[in-house]
């Protein structure tokens, strides 16, 4: 019976200690990861990219052009898939 009497207080104490320990461990791992990220050199540029500093307006314009190019690529891919599906659907609609 004495084990049941101490269960509640032991559970609460264990939860508190575990929470404190987990919080400290999480904070230290976050700081370690943050320090590792700050030590990494800049990522290598992809082929064709330039390392240029832009003003805010220039960077917005560059981002807009980049998005327009990506949208055009996506539209071409969507059109290609539509053509493929149209071919598949017309073939499956033919009677046997």
PDB file of N, CA and C in Angstrom:
ATOM      1  N   UNK A   1       0.812  -1.178   0.000  1.00  0.00           N
ATOM      2  CA  UNK A   1       0.000   0.000   0.000  1.00  0.00           C
ATOM      3  C   UNK A   1       0.867   1.257   0.000  1.00  0.00           C
ATOM      4  N   UNK A   2       2.050   1.194   0.560  1.00  0.00           N
ATOM      5  CA  UNK A   2       2.898   2.370   0.628  1.00  0.00           C
ATOM      6  C   UNK A   2       3.397   2.759  -0.769  1.00  0.00           C
ATOM      7  N   UNK A   3       3.488   1.805  -1.695  1.00  0.00           N
ATOM      8  CA  UNK A   3       3.902   2.129  -3.052  1.00  0.00           C
ATOM      9  C   UNK A   3       2.833   2.953  -3.762  1.00  0.00           C
ATOM     10  N   UNK A   4       1.574   2.669  -3.514  1.00  0.00           N
ATOM     11  CA  UNK A   4       0.495   3.412  -4.158  1.00  0.00           C
ATOM     12  C   UNK A   4       0.407   4.835  -3.610  1.00  0.00           C
ATOM     13  N   UNK A   5       0.730   5.023  -2.353  1.00  0.00           N
ATOM     14  CA  UNK A   5       0.643   6.352  -1.753  1.00  0.00           C
ATOM     15  C   UNK A   5       1.678   7.298  -2.358  1.00  0.00           C
ATOM     16  N   UNK A   6       2.853   6.820  -2.706  1.00  0.00           N
ATOM     17  CA  UNK A   6       3.918   7.675  -3.243  1.00  0.00           C
ATOM     18  C   UNK A   6       3.895   7.788  -4.752  1.00  0.00           C
ATOM     19  N   UNK A   7       2.988   7.093  -5.401  1.00  0.00           N
ATOM     20  CA  UNK A   7       2.974   7.087  -6.863  1.00  0.00           C
ATOM     21  C   UNK A   7       2.675   8.485  -7.435  1.00  0.00           C
ATOM     22  N   UNK A   8       1.667   9.142  -6.927  1.00  0.00           N
ATOM     23  CA  UNK A   8       1.271  10.452  -7.451  1.00  0.00           C
ATOM     24  C   UNK A   8       2.360  11.494  -7.313  1.00  0.00           C
ATOM     25  N   UNK A   9       2.951  11.572  -6.137  1.00  0.00           N
ATOM     26  CA  UNK A   9       3.998  12.573  -5.927  1.00  0.00           C
ATOM     27  C   UNK A   9       5.251  12.223  -6.734  1.00  0.00           C
ATOM     28  N   UNK A  10       5.556  10.947  -6.861  1.00  0.00           N
ATOM     29  CA  UNK A  10       6.701  10.526  -7.668  1.00  0.00           C
ATOM     30  C   UNK A  10       6.490  10.817  -9.145  1.00  0.00           C
ATOM     31  N   UNK A  11       5.253  10.617  -9.592  1.00  0.00           N
ATOM     32  CA  UNK A  11       4.928  10.889 -10.991  1.00  0.00           C
ATOM     33  C   UNK A  11       5.076  12.375 -11.296  1.00  0.00           C
ATOM     34  N   UNK A  12       4.560  13.222 -10.402  1.00  0.00           N
ATOM     35  CA  UNK A  12       4.652  14.672 -10.609  1.00  0.00           C
ATOM     36  C   UNK A  12       6.107  15.121 -10.566  1.00  0.00           C
ATOM     37  N   UNK A  13       6.865  14.633  -9.603  1.00  0.00           N
ATOM     38  CA  UNK A  13       8.272  14.997  -9.490  1.00  0.00           C
ATOM     39  C   UNK A  13       9.046  14.532 -10.725  1.00  0.00           C
ATOM     40  N   UNK A  14       8.784  13.328 -11.193  1.00  0.00           N
ATOM     41  CA  UNK A  14       9.448  12.820 -12.398  1.00  0.00           C
ATOM     42  C   UNK A  14       9.094  13.626 -13.638  1.00  0.00           C
ATOM     43  N   UNK A  15       7.842  14.051 -13.727  1.00  0.00           N
ATOM     44  CA  UNK A  15       7.422  14.877 -14.859  1.00  0.00           C
ATOM     45  C   UNK A  15       8.133  16.216 -14.862  1.00  0.00           C
ATOM     46  N   UNK A  16       8.251  16.808 -13.693  1.00  0.00           N
ATOM     47  CA  UNK A  16       8.931  18.106 -13.590  1.00  0.00           C
ATOM     48  C   UNK A  16      10.405  17.972 -13.936  1.00  0.00           C
ATOM     49  N   UNK A  17      11.054  16.984 -13.354  1.00  0.00           N
ATOM     50  CA  UNK A  17      12.486  16.779 -13.628  1.00  0.00           C
ATOM     51  C   UNK A  17      12.698  16.437 -15.103  1.00  0.00           C
ATOM     52  N   UNK A  18      11.849  15.592 -15.656  1.00  0.00           N
ATOM     53  CA  UNK A  18      11.963  15.238 -17.069  1.00  0.00           C
ATOM     54  C   UNK A  18      11.734  16.431 -17.979  1.00  0.00           C
ATOM     55  N   UNK A  19      10.776  17.286 -17.617  1.00  0.00           N
ATOM     56  CA  UNK A  19      10.530  18.489 -18.407  1.00  0.00           C
ATOM     57  C   UNK A  19      11.701  19.443 -18.393  1.00  0.00           C
ATOM     58  N   UNK A  20      12.288  19.638 -17.218  1.00  0.00           N
ATOM     59  CA  UNK A  20      13.444  20.520 -17.098  1.00  0.00           C
ATOM     60  C   UNK A  20      14.621  19.949 -17.877  1.00  0.00           C
ATOM     61  N   UNK A  21      14.875  18.653 -17.702  1.00  0.00           N
ATOM     62  CA  UNK A  21      15.985  18.008 -18.406  1.00  0.00           C
ATOM     63  C   UNK A  21      15.766  18.066 -19.920  1.00  0.00           C
ATOM     64  N   UNK A  22      14.561  17.773 -20.377  1.00  0.00           N
ATOM     65  CA  UNK A  22      14.260  17.815 -21.807  1.00  0.00           C
ATOM     66  C   UNK A  22      14.391  19.218 -22.372  1.00  0.00           C
ATOM     67  N   UNK A  23      13.953  20.218 -21.624  1.00  0.00           N
ATOM     68  CA  UNK A  23      14.089  21.600 -22.072  1.00  0.00           C
ATOM     69  C   UNK A  23      15.536  22.028 -22.194  1.00  0.00           C
ATOM     70  N   UNK A  24      16.341  21.668 -21.203  1.00  0.00           N
ATOM     71  CA  UNK A  24      17.764  22.001 -21.261  1.00  0.00           C
ATOM     72  C   UNK A  24      18.460  21.286 -22.414  1.00  0.00           C
ATOM     73  N   UNK A  25      18.134  20.027 -22.610  1.00  0.00           N
ATOM     74  CA  UNK A  25      18.725  19.267 -23.706  1.00  0.00           C
ATOM     75  C   UNK A  25      18.315  19.860 -25.053  1.00  0.00           C
ATOM     76  N   UNK A  26      17.049  20.187 -25.198  1.00  0.00           N
ATOM     77  CA  UNK A  26      16.580  20.786 -26.443  1.00  0.00           C
ATOM     78  C   UNK A  26      17.233  22.127 -26.721  1.00  0.00           C
ATOM     79  N   UNK A  27      17.368  22.965 -25.702  1.00  0.00           N
ATOM     80  CA  UNK A  27      17.998  24.268 -25.878  1.00  0.00           C
ATOM     81  C   UNK A  27      19.465  24.125 -26.260  1.00  0.00           C
ATOM     82  N   UNK A  28      20.153  23.186 -25.631  1.00  0.00           N
ATOM     83  CA  UNK A  28      21.575  23.018 -25.951  1.00  0.00           C
ATOM     84  C   UNK A  28      21.747  22.453 -27.359  1.00  0.00           C
ATOM     85  N   UNK A  29      20.875  21.535 -27.780  1.00  0.00           N
ATOM     86  CA  UNK A  29      20.970  21.013 -29.147  1.00  0.00           C
ATOM     87  C   UNK A  29      20.634  22.088 -30.168  1.00  0.00           C
ATOM     88  N   UNK A  30      19.679  22.946 -29.872  1.00  0.00           N
ATOM     89  CA  UNK A  30      19.336  24.044 -30.778  1.00  0.00           C
ATOM     90  C   UNK A  30      20.513  24.991 -30.934  1.00  0.00           C
ATOM     91  N   UNK A  31      21.165  25.348 -29.820  1.00  0.00           N
ATOM     92  CA  UNK A  31      22.322  26.245 -29.887  1.00  0.00           C
ATOM     93  C   UNK A  31      23.466  25.600 -30.647  1.00  0.00           C
ATOM     94  N   UNK A  32      23.680  24.303 -30.444  1.00  0.00           N
ATOM     95  CA  UNK A  32      24.738  23.595 -31.155  1.00  0.00           C
ATOM     96  C   UNK A  32      24.471  23.618 -32.651  1.00  0.00           C
ATOM     97  N   UNK A  33      23.220  23.354 -33.048  1.00  0.00           N
ATOM     98  CA  UNK A  33      22.861  23.348 -34.465  1.00  0.00           C
ATOM     99  C   UNK A  33      23.008  24.740 -35.052  1.00  0.00           C
ATOM    100  N   UNK A  34      22.630  25.755 -34.286  1.00  0.00           N
ATOM    101  CA  UNK A  34      22.724  27.126 -34.758  1.00  0.00           C
ATOM    102  C   UNK A  34      24.183  27.517 -34.973  1.00  0.00           C
ATOM    103  N   UNK A  35      25.056  27.096 -34.077  1.00  0.00           N
ATOM    104  CA  UNK A  35      26.478  27.400 -34.226  1.00  0.00           C
ATOM    105  C   UNK A  35      27.062  26.679 -35.432  1.00  0.00           C
ATOM    106  N   UNK A  36      26.629  25.452 -35.675  1.00  0.00           N
ATOM    107  CA  UNK A  36      27.118  24.699 -36.831  1.00  0.00           C
ATOM    108  C   UNK A  36      26.691  25.374 -38.130  1.00  0.00           C
ATOM    109  N   UNK A  37      25.469  25.868 -38.187  1.00  0.00           N
ATOM    110  CA  UNK A  37      24.975  26.528 -39.392  1.00  0.00           C
ATOM    111  C   UNK A  37      25.722  27.825 -39.660  1.00  0.00           C
ATOM    112  N   UNK A  38      26.111  28.534 -38.618  1.00  0.00           N
ATOM    113  CA  UNK A  38      26.810  29.797 -38.819  1.00  0.00           C
ATOM    114  C   UNK A  38      28.252  29.566 -39.267  1.00  0.00           C
ATOM    115  N   UNK A  39      28.817  28.387 -38.999  1.00  0.00           N
ATOM    116  CA  UNK A  39      30.184  28.088 -39.408  1.00  0.00           C
ATOM    117  C   UNK A  39      30.265  27.601 -40.842  1.00  0.00           C
ATOM    118  N   UNK A  40      29.135  27.167 -41.423  1.00  0.00           N
ATOM    119  CA  UNK A  40      29.150  26.634 -42.783  1.00  0.00           C
ATOM    120  C   UNK A  40      29.459  27.753 -43.762  1.00  0.00           C
ATOM    121  N   UNK A  41      30.294  27.447 -44.746  1.00  0.00           N
ATOM    122  CA  UNK A  41      30.527  28.453 -45.776  1.00  0.00           C
ATOM    123  C   UNK A  41      29.277  28.615 -46.636  1.00  0.00           C
ATOM    124  N   UNK A  42      29.244  29.667 -47.408  1.00  0.00           N
ATOM    125  CA  UNK A  42      28.097  29.882 -48.281  1.00  0.00           C
ATOM    126  C   UNK A  42      27.934  28.695 -49.225  1.00  0.00           C
ATOM    127  N   UNK A  43      26.697  28.387 -49.535  1.00  0.00           N
ATOM    128  CA  UNK A  43      26.431  27.275 -50.437  1.00  0.00           C
ATOM    129  C   UNK A  43      26.998  27.602 -51.812  1.00  0.00           C
ATOM    130  N   UNK A  44      27.513  26.591 -52.503  1.00  0.00           N
ATOM    131  CA  UNK A  44      28.021  26.856 -53.850  1.00  0.00           C
ATOM    132  C   UNK A  44      26.876  27.259 -54.769  1.00  0.00           C
ATOM    133  N   UNK A  45      27.176  28.137 -55.688  1.00  0.00           N
ATOM    134  CA  UNK A  45      26.157  28.604 -56.610  1.00  0.00           C
ATOM    135  C   UNK A  45      25.884  27.542 -57.663  1.00  0.00           C
ATOM    136  N   UNK A  46      24.640  27.454 -58.069  1.00  0.00           N
ATOM    137  CA  UNK A  46      24.276  26.541 -59.142  1.00  0.00           C
ATOM    138  C   UNK A  46      24.838  27.092 -60.442  1.00  0.00           C
ATOM    139  N   UNK A  47      24.877  26.240 -61.419  1.00  0.00           N
ATOM    140  CA  UNK A  47      25.432  26.639 -62.709  1.00  0.00           C
ATOM    141  C   UNK A  47      24.629  27.800 -63.290  1.00  0.00           C
ATOM    142  N   UNK A  48      25.305  28.851 -63.662  1.00  0.00           N
ATOM    143  CA  UNK A  48      24.646  30.004 -64.257  1.00  0.00           C
ATOM    144  C   UNK A  48      24.241  31.077 -63.258  1.00  0.00           C
ATOM    145  N   UNK A  49      24.336  30.798 -61.959  1.00  0.00           N
ATOM    146  CA  UNK A  49      23.976  31.796 -60.957  1.00  0.00           C
ATOM    147  C   UNK A  49      25.158  32.723 -60.715  1.00  0.00           C
ATOM    148  N   UNK A  50      24.853  33.936 -60.361  1.00  0.00           N
ATOM    149  CA  UNK A  50      25.884  34.913 -60.084  1.00  0.00           C
ATOM    150  C   UNK A  50      25.764  35.375 -58.641  1.00  0.00           C
ATOM    151  N   UNK A  51      26.906  35.645 -58.027  1.00  0.00           N
ATOM    152  CA  UNK A  51      26.917  36.170 -56.663  1.00  0.00           C
ATOM    153  C   UNK A  51      26.914  37.688 -56.751  1.00  0.00           C
ATOM    154  N   UNK A  52      25.719  38.276 -56.723  1.00  0.00           N
ATOM    155  CA  UNK A  52      25.579  39.713 -56.866  1.00  0.00           C
ATOM    156  C   UNK A  52      24.665  40.211 -55.761  1.00  0.00           C
ATOM    157  N   UNK A  53      25.006  41.332 -55.170  1.00  0.00           N
ATOM    158  CA  UNK A  53      24.154  41.955 -54.162  1.00  0.00           C
ATOM    159  C   UNK A  53      23.194  42.898 -54.876  1.00  0.00           C
ATOM    160  N   UNK A  54      21.905  42.780 -54.554  1.00  0.00           N
ATOM    161  CA  UNK A  54      20.887  43.605 -55.184  1.00  0.00           C
ATOM    162  C   UNK A  54      20.250  44.519 -54.149  1.00  0.00           C
ATOM    163  N   UNK A  55      19.701  45.620 -54.643  1.00  0.00           N
ATOM    164  CA  UNK A  55      18.880  46.435 -53.774  1.00  0.00           C
ATOM    165  C   UNK A  55      17.533  45.739 -53.647  1.00  0.00           C
ATOM    166  N   UNK A  56      16.683  46.221 -52.793  1.00  0.00           N
ATOM    167  CA  UNK A  56      15.385  45.588 -52.565  1.00  0.00           C
ATOM    168  C   UNK A  56      14.558  45.558 -53.839  1.00  0.00           C
ATOM    169  N   UNK A  57      14.504  46.672 -54.566  1.00  0.00           N
ATOM    170  CA  UNK A  57      13.712  46.720 -55.793  1.00  0.00           C
ATOM    171  C   UNK A  57      14.272  45.783 -56.855  1.00  0.00           C
ATOM    172  N   UNK A  58      15.590  45.733 -56.963  1.00  0.00           N
ATOM    173  CA  UNK A  58      16.205  44.845 -57.948  1.00  0.00           C
ATOM    174  C   UNK A  58      15.961  43.383 -57.596  1.00  0.00           C
ATOM    175  N   UNK A  59      16.038  43.068 -56.312  1.00  0.00           N
ATOM    176  CA  UNK A  59      15.829  41.671 -55.919  1.00  0.00           C
ATOM    177  C   UNK A  59      14.377  41.269 -56.136  1.00  0.00           C
ATOM    178  N   UNK A  60      13.442  42.185 -55.938  1.00  0.00           N
ATOM    179  CA  UNK A  60      12.039  41.885 -56.213  1.00  0.00           C
ATOM    180  C   UNK A  60      11.849  41.628 -57.703  1.00  0.00           C
ATOM    181  N   UNK A  61      12.491  42.435 -58.525  1.00  0.00           N
ATOM    182  CA  UNK A  61      12.377  42.275 -59.979  1.00  0.00           C
ATOM    183  C   UNK A  61      12.989  40.947 -60.434  1.00  0.00           C
ATOM    184  N   UNK A  62      14.145  40.601 -59.878  1.00  0.00           N
ATOM    185  CA  UNK A  62      14.786  39.328 -60.219  1.00  0.00           C
ATOM    186  C   UNK A  62      13.900  38.166 -59.790  1.00  0.00           C
ATOM    187  N   UNK A  63      13.319  38.257 -58.607  1.00  0.00           N
ATOM    188  CA  UNK A  63      12.432  37.198 -58.125  1.00  0.00           C
ATOM    189  C   UNK A  63      11.201  37.075 -59.013  1.00  0.00           C
ATOM    190  N   UNK A  64      10.665  38.206 -59.463  1.00  0.00           N
ATOM    191  CA  UNK A  64       9.495  38.189 -60.332  1.00  0.00           C
ATOM    192  C   UNK A  64       9.812  37.506 -61.661  1.00  0.00           C
ATOM    193  N   UNK A  65      10.970  37.838 -62.243  1.00  0.00           N
ATOM    194  CA  UNK A  65      11.359  37.195 -63.501  1.00  0.00           C
ATOM    195  C   UNK A  65      11.566  35.697 -63.315  1.00  0.00           C
ATOM    196  N   UNK A  66      12.180  35.341 -62.209  1.00  0.00           N
ATOM    197  CA  UNK A  66      12.404  33.923 -61.925  1.00  0.00           C
ATOM    198  C   UNK A  66      11.078  33.181 -61.785  1.00  0.00           C
ATOM    199  N   UNK A  67      10.129  33.789 -61.086  1.00  0.00           N
ATOM    200  CA  UNK A  67       8.811  33.159 -60.935  1.00  0.00           C
ATOM    201  C   UNK A  67       8.083  33.057 -62.261  1.00  0.00           C
ATOM    202  N   UNK A  68       8.210  34.082 -63.091  1.00  0.00           N
ATOM    203  CA  UNK A  68       7.567  34.020 -64.409  1.00  0.00           C
ATOM    204  C   UNK A  68       8.140  32.873 -65.233  1.00  0.00           C
ATOM    205  N   UNK A  69       9.458  32.678 -65.158  1.00  0.00           N
ATOM    206  CA  UNK A  69      10.081  31.564 -65.882  1.00  0.00           C
ATOM    207  C   UNK A  69       9.581  30.222 -65.363  1.00  0.00           C
ATOM    208  N   UNK A  70       9.489  30.092 -64.053  1.00  0.00           N
ATOM    209  CA  UNK A  70       9.000  28.838 -63.465  1.00  0.00           C
ATOM    210  C   UNK A  70       7.547  28.586 -63.837  1.00  0.00           C
ATOM    211  N   UNK A  71       6.728  29.631 -63.854  1.00  0.00           N
ATOM    212  CA  UNK A  71       5.324  29.479 -64.240  1.00  0.00           C
ATOM    213  C   UNK A  71       5.223  29.024 -65.687  1.00  0.00           C
ATOM    214  N   UNK A  72       6.057  29.594 -66.551  1.00  0.00           N
ATOM    215  CA  UNK A  72       6.053  29.179 -67.953  1.00  0.00           C
ATOM    216  C   UNK A  72       6.442  27.705 -68.085  1.00  0.00           C
ATOM    217  N   UNK A  73       7.438  27.276 -67.315  1.00  0.00           N
ATOM    218  CA  UNK A  73       7.841  25.868 -67.347  1.00  0.00           C
ATOM    219  C   UNK A  73       6.711  24.970 -66.862  1.00  0.00           C
ATOM    220  N   UNK A  74       6.034  25.379 -65.807  1.00  0.00           N
ATOM    221  CA  UNK A  74       4.920  24.583 -65.286  1.00  0.00           C
ATOM    222  C   UNK A  74       3.779  24.511 -66.291  1.00  0.00           C
ATOM    223  N   UNK A  75       3.478  25.624 -66.953  1.00  0.00           N
ATOM    224  CA  UNK A  75       2.423  25.618 -67.956  1.00  0.00           C
ATOM    225  C   UNK A  75       2.751  24.665 -69.104  1.00  0.00           C
ATOM    226  N   UNK A  76       4.010  24.641 -69.530  1.00  0.00           N
ATOM    227  CA  UNK A  76       4.416  23.707 -70.579  1.00  0.00           C
ATOM    228  C   UNK A  76       4.269  22.259 -70.112  1.00  0.00           C
ATOM    229  N   UNK A  77       4.638  21.997 -68.877  1.00  0.00           N
ATOM    230  CA  UNK A  77       4.503  20.637 -68.345  1.00  0.00           C
ATOM    231  C   UNK A  77       3.037  20.240 -68.243  1.00  0.00           C
ATOM    232  N   UNK A  78       2.184  21.165 -67.826  1.00  0.00           N
ATOM    233  CA  UNK A  78       0.752  20.875 -67.726  1.00  0.00           C
ATOM    234  C   UNK A  78       0.171  20.591 -69.107  1.00  0.00           C
ATOM    235  N   UNK A  79       0.557  21.392 -70.104  1.00  0.00           N
ATOM    236  CA  UNK A  79       0.073  21.159 -71.471  1.00  0.00           C
ATOM    237  C   UNK A  79       0.524  19.796 -71.987  1.00  0.00           C
ATOM    238  N   UNK A  80       1.756  19.424 -71.666  1.00  0.00           N
ATOM    239  CA  UNK A  80       2.270  18.117 -72.095  1.00  0.00           C
ATOM    240  C   UNK A  80       1.467  16.984 -71.467  1.00  0.00           C
ATOM    241  N   UNK A  81       1.173  17.094 -70.190  1.00  0.00           N
ATOM    242  CA  UNK A  81       0.394  16.058 -69.504  1.00  0.00           C
ATOM    243  C   UNK A  81      -1.026  16.001 -70.068  1.00  0.00           C
ATOM    244  N   UNK A  82      -1.614  17.147 -70.372  1.00  0.00           N
ATOM    245  CA  UNK A  82      -2.953  17.171 -70.972  1.00  0.00           C
ATOM    246  C   UNK A  82      -2.970  16.440 -72.302  1.00  0.00           C
ATOM    247  N   UNK A  83      -1.938  16.682 -73.111  1.00  0.00           N
ATOM    248  CA  UNK A  83      -1.866  16.002 -74.404  1.00  0.00           C
ATOM    249  C   UNK A  83      -1.734  14.494 -74.216  1.00  0.00           C
ATOM    250  N   UNK A  84      -0.920  14.086 -73.257  1.00  0.00           N
ATOM    251  CA  UNK A  84      -0.756  12.648 -72.994  1.00  0.00           C
ATOM    252  C   UNK A  84      -2.058  12.042 -72.499  1.00  0.00           C
ATOM    253  N   UNK A  85      -2.764  12.733 -71.615  1.00  0.00           N
ATOM    254  CA  UNK A  85      -4.031  12.215 -71.100  1.00  0.00           C
ATOM    255  C   UNK A  85      -5.089  12.177 -72.197  1.00  0.00           C
ATOM    256  N   UNK A  86      -5.091  13.167 -73.065  1.00  0.00           N
ATOM    257  CA  UNK A  86      -6.047  13.192 -74.162  1.00  0.00           C
ATOM    258  C   UNK A  86      -5.820  11.987 -75.075  1.00  0.00           C
ATOM    259  N   UNK A  87      -4.549  11.645 -75.321  1.00  0.00           N
ATOM    260  CA  UNK A  87      -4.209  10.495 -76.149  1.00  0.00           C
ATOM    261  C   UNK A  87      -4.649   9.207 -75.465  1.00  0.00           C
ATOM    262  N   UNK A  88      -4.411   9.088 -74.171  1.00  0.00           N
ATOM    263  CA  UNK A  88      -4.789   7.888 -73.426  1.00  0.00           C
ATOM    264  C   UNK A  88      -6.301   7.751 -73.388  1.00  0.00           C
ATOM    265  N   UNK A  89      -7.009   8.856 -73.134  1.00  0.00           N
ATOM    266  CA  UNK A  89      -8.467   8.806 -73.067  1.00  0.00           C
ATOM    267  C   UNK A  89      -9.083   8.495 -74.413  1.00  0.00           C
ATOM    268  N   UNK A  90      -8.527   9.015 -75.499  1.00  0.00           N
ATOM    269  CA  UNK A  90      -9.106   8.725 -76.818  1.00  0.00           C
ATOM    270  C   UNK A  90      -8.847   7.278 -77.205  1.00  0.00           C
ATOM    271  N   UNK A  91      -7.755   6.707 -76.783  1.00  0.00           N
ATOM    272  CA  UNK A  91      -7.466   5.302 -77.063  1.00  0.00           C
ATOM    273  C   UNK A  91      -8.375   4.373 -76.253  1.00  0.00           C
ATOM    274  N   UNK A  92      -8.677   4.747 -75.022  1.00  0.00           N
ATOM    275  CA  UNK A  92      -9.518   3.895 -74.180  1.00  0.00           C
ATOM    276  C   UNK A  92     -10.990   4.025 -74.544  1.00  0.00           C
ATOM    277  N   UNK A  93     -11.368   5.092 -75.251  1.00  0.00           N
ATOM    278  CA  UNK A  93     -12.763   5.292 -75.634  1.00  0.00           C
ATOM    279  C   UNK A  93     -13.143   4.493 -76.868  1.00  0.00           C
ATOM    280  N   UNK A  94     -12.155   3.988 -77.600  1.00  0.00           N
ATOM    281  CA  UNK A  94     -12.434   3.192 -78.799  1.00  0.00           C
ATOM    282  C   UNK A  94     -13.061   1.858 -78.404  1.00  0.00           C
ATOM    283  N   UNK A  95     -14.110   1.430 -79.125  1.00  0.00           N
ATOM    284  CA  UNK A  95     -14.731   0.143 -78.794  1.00  0.00           C
ATOM    285  C   UNK A  95     -13.820  -1.021 -79.169  1.00  0.00           C
ATOM    286  N   UNK A  96     -13.920  -2.113 -78.462  1.00  0.00           N
ATOM    287  CA  UNK A  96     -13.082  -3.293 -78.727  1.00  0.00           C
ATOM    288  C   UNK A  96     -13.558  -4.055 -79.902  1.00  0.00           C
TER     289      UNK A  96
END
